[in-house]
Amino acid sequence: MGEKTEFRPGEEAPNTAYYIEIGENDYIMGINNPQKISLKEGELFPNTSNHNRKWTKMESN
């Protein structure tokens, strides 16, 4: 089984990384001005801009 890729507010970050908000239609249209955060392993994800959004790890460039 693979690693979880989407997280809800209040869950613990699995890794130290940068995370970004995604929406339910993110892969089709994207969302405007998503929140971006840096969390350390074990820190809790904060609330998103609305209840339909989740957090995901940002791709590293």
PDB file of N, CA and C in Angstrom:
ATOM      1  N   MET A   1       0.848  -1.171   0.000  1.00  0.00           N
ATOM      2  CA  MET A   1       0.000   0.000   0.000  1.00  0.00           C
ATOM      3  C   MET A   1       0.898   1.240   0.000  1.00  0.00           C
ATOM      4  N   GLY A   2       0.532   2.239  -0.789  1.00  0.00           N
ATOM      5  CA  GLY A   2       1.344   3.445  -0.919  1.00  0.00           C
ATOM      6  C   GLY A   2       1.102   4.437   0.202  1.00  0.00           C
ATOM      7  N   GLU A   3       1.904   5.468   0.204  1.00  0.00           N
ATOM      8  CA  GLU A   3       1.792   6.525   1.202  1.00  0.00           C
ATOM      9  C   GLU A   3       0.582   7.403   0.900  1.00  0.00           C
ATOM     10  N   LYS A   4      -0.088   7.835   1.937  1.00  0.00           N
ATOM     11  CA  LYS A   4      -1.237   8.730   1.804  1.00  0.00           C
ATOM     12  C   LYS A   4      -0.773  10.049   1.192  1.00  0.00           C
ATOM     13  N   THR A   5      -1.573  10.637   0.281  1.00  0.00           N
ATOM     14  CA  THR A   5      -1.151  11.857  -0.407  1.00  0.00           C
ATOM     15  C   THR A   5      -2.028  13.064  -0.118  1.00  0.00           C
ATOM     16  N   GLU A   6      -3.183  12.875   0.479  1.00  0.00           N
ATOM     17  CA  GLU A   6      -4.074  13.990   0.819  1.00  0.00           C
ATOM     18  C   GLU A   6      -4.365  13.958   2.315  1.00  0.00           C
ATOM     19  N   PHE A   7      -4.393  15.157   2.915  1.00  0.00           N
ATOM     20  CA  PHE A   7      -4.535  15.249   4.363  1.00  0.00           C
ATOM     21  C   PHE A   7      -5.586  16.279   4.731  1.00  0.00           C
ATOM     22  N   ARG A   8      -6.302  16.015   5.796  1.00  0.00           N
ATOM     23  CA  ARG A   8      -7.329  16.921   6.300  1.00  0.00           C
ATOM     24  C   ARG A   8      -6.761  17.741   7.463  1.00  0.00           C
ATOM     25  N   PRO A   9      -7.347  18.918   7.714  1.00  0.00           N
ATOM     26  CA  PRO A   9      -6.928  19.701   8.874  1.00  0.00           C
ATOM     27  C   PRO A   9      -6.982  18.860  10.155  1.00  0.00           C
ATOM     28  N   GLY A  10      -5.970  19.010  10.996  1.00  0.00           N
ATOM     29  CA  GLY A  10      -5.919  18.268  12.258  1.00  0.00           C
ATOM     30  C   GLY A  10      -5.125  16.982  12.186  1.00  0.00           C
ATOM     31  N   GLU A  11      -4.848  16.479  10.970  1.00  0.00           N
ATOM     32  CA  GLU A  11      -4.026  15.282  10.840  1.00  0.00           C
ATOM     33  C   GLU A  11      -2.554  15.664  10.992  1.00  0.00           C
ATOM     34  N   GLU A  12      -1.717  14.678  11.324  1.00  0.00           N
ATOM     35  CA  GLU A  12      -0.287  14.915  11.484  1.00  0.00           C
ATOM     36  C   GLU A  12       0.432  14.819  10.143  1.00  0.00           C
ATOM     37  N   ALA A  13       1.398  15.707   9.953  1.00  0.00           N
ATOM     38  CA  ALA A  13       2.225  15.661   8.740  1.00  0.00           C
ATOM     39  C   ALA A  13       3.128  14.432   8.812  1.00  0.00           C
ATOM     40  N   PRO A  14       3.171  13.626   7.764  1.00  0.00           N
ATOM     41  CA  PRO A  14       3.999  12.420   7.795  1.00  0.00           C
ATOM     42  C   PRO A  14       5.483  12.711   7.609  1.00  0.00           C
ATOM     43  N   ASN A  15       5.800  13.848   6.972  1.00  0.00           N
ATOM     44  CA  ASN A  15       7.185  14.207   6.672  1.00  0.00           C
ATOM     45  C   ASN A  15       7.375  15.712   6.839  1.00  0.00           C
ATOM     46  N   THR A  16       8.613  16.124   7.067  1.00  0.00           N
ATOM     47  CA  THR A  16       8.941  17.542   7.032  1.00  0.00           C
ATOM     48  C   THR A  16       8.958  17.949   5.564  1.00  0.00           C
ATOM     49  N   ALA A  17       8.083  18.898   5.208  1.00  0.00           N
ATOM     50  CA  ALA A  17       7.947  19.269   3.795  1.00  0.00           C
ATOM     51  C   ALA A  17       7.089  20.517   3.664  1.00  0.00           C
ATOM     52  N   TYR A  18       6.977  20.990   2.432  1.00  0.00           N
ATOM     53  CA  TYR A  18       6.052  22.065   2.088  1.00  0.00           C
ATOM     54  C   TYR A  18       4.782  21.419   1.570  1.00  0.00           C
ATOM     55  N   TYR A  19       3.640  21.969   1.979  1.00  0.00           N
ATOM     56  CA  TYR A  19       2.341  21.447   1.586  1.00  0.00           C
ATOM     57  C   TYR A  19       1.505  22.570   0.986  1.00  0.00           C
ATOM     58  N   ILE A  20       0.567  22.207   0.118  1.00  0.00           N
ATOM     59  CA  ILE A  20      -0.289  23.174  -0.565  1.00  0.00           C
ATOM     60  C   ILE A  20      -1.730  22.681  -0.529  1.00  0.00           C
ATOM     61  N   GLU A  21      -2.654  23.639  -0.497  1.00  0.00           N
ATOM     62  CA  GLU A  21      -4.082  23.299  -0.543  1.00  0.00           C
ATOM     63  C   GLU A  21      -4.452  22.825  -1.941  1.00  0.00           C
ATOM     64  N   ILE A  22      -5.308  21.831  -1.975  1.00  0.00           N
ATOM     65  CA  ILE A  22      -5.904  21.411  -3.241  1.00  0.00           C
ATOM     66  C   ILE A  22      -7.411  21.383  -3.050  1.00  0.00           C
ATOM     67  N   GLY A  23      -8.143  21.563  -4.131  1.00  0.00           N
ATOM     68  CA  GLY A  23      -9.595  21.538  -4.084  1.00  0.00           C
ATOM     69  C   GLY A  23     -10.134  20.299  -4.753  1.00  0.00           C
ATOM     70  N   GLU A  24     -11.436  20.131  -4.671  1.00  0.00           N
ATOM     71  CA  GLU A  24     -12.045  18.934  -5.248  1.00  0.00           C
ATOM     72  C   GLU A  24     -11.903  18.888  -6.769  1.00  0.00           C
ATOM     73  N   ASN A  25     -11.768  20.042  -7.433  1.00  0.00           N
ATOM     74  CA  ASN A  25     -11.575  20.079  -8.884  1.00  0.00           C
ATOM     75  C   ASN A  25     -10.161  20.509  -9.251  1.00  0.00           C
ATOM     76  N   ASP A  26      -9.221  20.395  -8.325  1.00  0.00           N
ATOM     77  CA  ASP A  26      -7.870  20.909  -8.522  1.00  0.00           C
ATOM     78  C   ASP A  26      -7.198  20.365  -9.770  1.00  0.00           C
ATOM     79  N   TYR A  27      -7.386  19.095 -10.067  1.00  0.00           N
ATOM     80  CA  TYR A  27      -6.680  18.487 -11.183  1.00  0.00           C
ATOM     81  C   TYR A  27      -7.270  18.915 -12.525  1.00  0.00           C
ATOM     82  N   ILE A  28      -8.464  19.476 -12.515  1.00  0.00           N
ATOM     83  CA  ILE A  28      -9.093  19.933 -13.750  1.00  0.00           C
ATOM     84  C   ILE A  28      -8.828  21.415 -13.960  1.00  0.00           C
ATOM     85  N   MET A  29      -9.161  22.243 -12.976  1.00  0.00           N
ATOM     86  CA  MET A  29      -9.094  23.686 -13.145  1.00  0.00           C
ATOM     87  C   MET A  29      -8.111  24.371 -12.209  1.00  0.00           C
ATOM     88  N   GLY A  30      -7.672  23.745 -11.152  1.00  0.00           N
ATOM     89  CA  GLY A  30      -6.830  24.412 -10.167  1.00  0.00           C
ATOM     90  C   GLY A  30      -7.668  25.317  -9.275  1.00  0.00           C
ATOM     91  N   ILE A  31      -7.039  25.903  -8.255  1.00  0.00           N
ATOM     92  CA  ILE A  31      -7.737  26.835  -7.380  1.00  0.00           C
ATOM     93  C   ILE A  31      -6.936  28.124  -7.320  1.00  0.00           C
ATOM     94  N   ASN A  32      -7.612  29.226  -7.064  1.00  0.00           N
ATOM     95  CA  ASN A  32      -6.951  30.524  -6.984  1.00  0.00           C
ATOM     96  C   ASN A  32      -6.323  30.719  -5.613  1.00  0.00           C
ATOM     97  N   ASN A  33      -5.102  31.196  -5.589  1.00  0.00           N
ATOM     98  CA  ASN A  33      -4.394  31.551  -4.366  1.00  0.00           C
ATOM     99  C   ASN A  33      -4.440  30.471  -3.279  1.00  0.00           C
ATOM    100  N   PRO A  34      -3.962  29.264  -3.560  1.00  0.00           N
ATOM    101  CA  PRO A  34      -3.965  28.225  -2.525  1.00  0.00           C
ATOM    102  C   PRO A  34      -2.984  28.579  -1.412  1.00  0.00           C
ATOM    103  N   GLN A  35      -3.324  28.200  -0.189  1.00  0.00           N
ATOM    104  CA  GLN A  35      -2.396  28.386   0.930  1.00  0.00           C
ATOM    105  C   GLN A  35      -1.221  27.432   0.747  1.00  0.00           C
ATOM    106  N   LYS A  36      -0.030  27.879   1.145  1.00  0.00           N
ATOM    107  CA  LYS A  36       1.172  27.050   1.126  1.00  0.00           C
ATOM    108  C   LYS A  36       1.793  27.134   2.507  1.00  0.00           C
ATOM    109  N   ILE A  37       2.186  25.974   3.044  1.00  0.00           N
ATOM    110  CA  ILE A  37       2.727  25.932   4.401  1.00  0.00           C
ATOM    111  C   ILE A  37       3.953  25.020   4.460  1.00  0.00           C
ATOM    112  N   SER A  38       4.729  25.208   5.495  1.00  0.00           N
ATOM    113  CA  SER A  38       5.858  24.339   5.789  1.00  0.00           C
ATOM    114  C   SER A  38       5.568  23.681   7.129  1.00  0.00           C
ATOM    115  N   LEU A  39       5.606  22.357   7.163  1.00  0.00           N
ATOM    116  CA  LEU A  39       5.373  21.620   8.405  1.00  0.00           C
ATOM    117  C   LEU A  39       6.519  20.660   8.665  1.00  0.00           C
ATOM    118  N   LYS A  40       6.776  20.426   9.928  1.00  0.00           N
ATOM    119  CA  LYS A  40       7.734  19.400  10.329  1.00  0.00           C
ATOM    120  C   LYS A  40       6.961  18.122  10.619  1.00  0.00           C
ATOM    121  N   GLU A  41       7.622  17.006  10.503  1.00  0.00           N
ATOM    122  CA  GLU A  41       6.994  15.717  10.774  1.00  0.00           C
ATOM    123  C   GLU A  41       6.289  15.745  12.123  1.00  0.00           C
ATOM    124  N   GLY A  42       5.027  15.339  12.155  1.00  0.00           N
ATOM    125  CA  GLY A  42       4.256  15.268  13.394  1.00  0.00           C
ATOM    126  C   GLY A  42       3.442  16.512  13.701  1.00  0.00           C
ATOM    127  N   GLU A  43       3.735  17.649  13.031  1.00  0.00           N
ATOM    128  CA  GLU A  43       2.928  18.850  13.252  1.00  0.00           C
ATOM    129  C   GLU A  43       1.551  18.649  12.627  1.00  0.00           C
ATOM    130  N   LEU A  44       0.572  19.349  13.161  1.00  0.00           N
ATOM    131  CA  LEU A  44      -0.797  19.207  12.670  1.00  0.00           C
ATOM    132  C   LEU A  44      -1.082  20.163  11.523  1.00  0.00           C
ATOM    133  N   PHE A  45      -1.836  19.662  10.543  1.00  0.00           N
ATOM    134  CA  PHE A  45      -2.251  20.505   9.436  1.00  0.00           C
ATOM    135  C   PHE A  45      -3.274  21.522   9.937  1.00  0.00           C
ATOM    136  N   PRO A  46      -3.133  22.798   9.520  1.00  0.00           N
ATOM    137  CA  PRO A  46      -4.101  23.826   9.920  1.00  0.00           C
ATOM    138  C   PRO A  46      -5.371  23.732   9.082  1.00  0.00           C
ATOM    139  N   ASN A  47      -6.340  24.565   9.422  1.00  0.00           N
ATOM    140  CA  ASN A  47      -7.574  24.630   8.635  1.00  0.00           C
ATOM    141  C   ASN A  47      -7.276  25.093   7.218  1.00  0.00           C
ATOM    142  N   THR A  48      -8.085  24.637   6.287  1.00  0.00           N
ATOM    143  CA  THR A  48      -7.984  25.075   4.899  1.00  0.00           C
ATOM    144  C   THR A  48      -8.910  26.271   4.688  1.00  0.00           C
ATOM    145  N   SER A  49      -8.843  26.874   3.503  1.00  0.00           N
ATOM    146  CA  SER A  49      -9.667  28.044   3.203  1.00  0.00           C
ATOM    147  C   SER A  49     -11.158  27.741   3.179  1.00  0.00           C
ATOM    148  N   ASN A  50     -11.518  26.501   2.835  1.00  0.00           N
ATOM    149  CA  ASN A  50     -12.910  26.070   2.931  1.00  0.00           C
ATOM    150  C   ASN A  50     -12.958  24.564   3.152  1.00  0.00           C
ATOM    151  N   HIS A  51     -14.120  24.066   3.504  1.00  0.00           N
ATOM    152  CA  HIS A  51     -14.254  22.663   3.907  1.00  0.00           C
ATOM    153  C   HIS A  51     -14.062  21.654   2.775  1.00  0.00           C
ATOM    154  N   ASN A  52     -14.062  22.105   1.522  1.00  0.00           N
ATOM    155  CA  ASN A  52     -13.875  21.192   0.395  1.00  0.00           C
ATOM    156  C   ASN A  52     -12.402  20.959   0.050  1.00  0.00           C
ATOM    157  N   ARG A  53     -11.518  21.657   0.705  1.00  0.00           N
ATOM    158  CA  ARG A  53     -10.102  21.550   0.375  1.00  0.00           C
ATOM    159  C   ARG A  53      -9.361  20.615   1.325  1.00  0.00           C
ATOM    160  N   LYS A  54      -8.222  20.105   0.832  1.00  0.00           N
ATOM    161  CA  LYS A  54      -7.328  19.252   1.602  1.00  0.00           C
ATOM    162  C   LYS A  54      -5.907  19.743   1.375  1.00  0.00           C
ATOM    163  N   TRP A  55      -4.967  19.119   2.056  1.00  0.00           N
ATOM    164  CA  TRP A  55      -3.543  19.442   1.908  1.00  0.00           C
ATOM    165  C   TRP A  55      -2.848  18.312   1.150  1.00  0.00           C
ATOM    166  N   THR A  56      -1.833  18.673   0.359  1.00  0.00           N
ATOM    167  CA  THR A  56      -0.995  17.664  -0.299  1.00  0.00           C
ATOM    168  C   THR A  56       0.435  18.184  -0.343  1.00  0.00           C
ATOM    169  N   LYS A  57       1.385  17.287  -0.429  1.00  0.00           N
ATOM    170  CA  LYS A  57       2.796  17.656  -0.474  1.00  0.00           C
ATOM    171  C   LYS A  57       3.094  18.356  -1.798  1.00  0.00           C
ATOM    172  N   MET A  58       3.835  19.467  -1.723  1.00  0.00           N
ATOM    173  CA  MET A  58       4.215  20.196  -2.927  1.00  0.00           C
ATOM    174  C   MET A  58       5.297  19.416  -3.667  1.00  0.00           C
ATOM    175  N   GLU A  59       5.237  19.457  -4.969  1.00  0.00           N
ATOM    176  CA  GLU A  59       6.276  18.833  -5.791  1.00  0.00           C
ATOM    177  C   GLU A  59       7.548  19.648  -5.677  1.00  0.00           C
ATOM    178  N   SER A  60       8.676  19.009  -5.559  1.00  0.00           N
ATOM    179  CA  SER A  60       9.941  19.744  -5.499  1.00  0.00           C
ATOM    180  C   SER A  60      10.470  19.922  -6.917  1.00  0.00           C
ATOM    181  N   ASN A  61      10.977  21.116  -7.190  1.00  0.00           N
ATOM    182  CA  ASN A  61      11.499  21.427  -8.531  1.00  0.00           C
ATOM    183  C   ASN A  61      12.995  21.344  -8.557  1.00  0.00           C
TER     184      ASN A  61
END
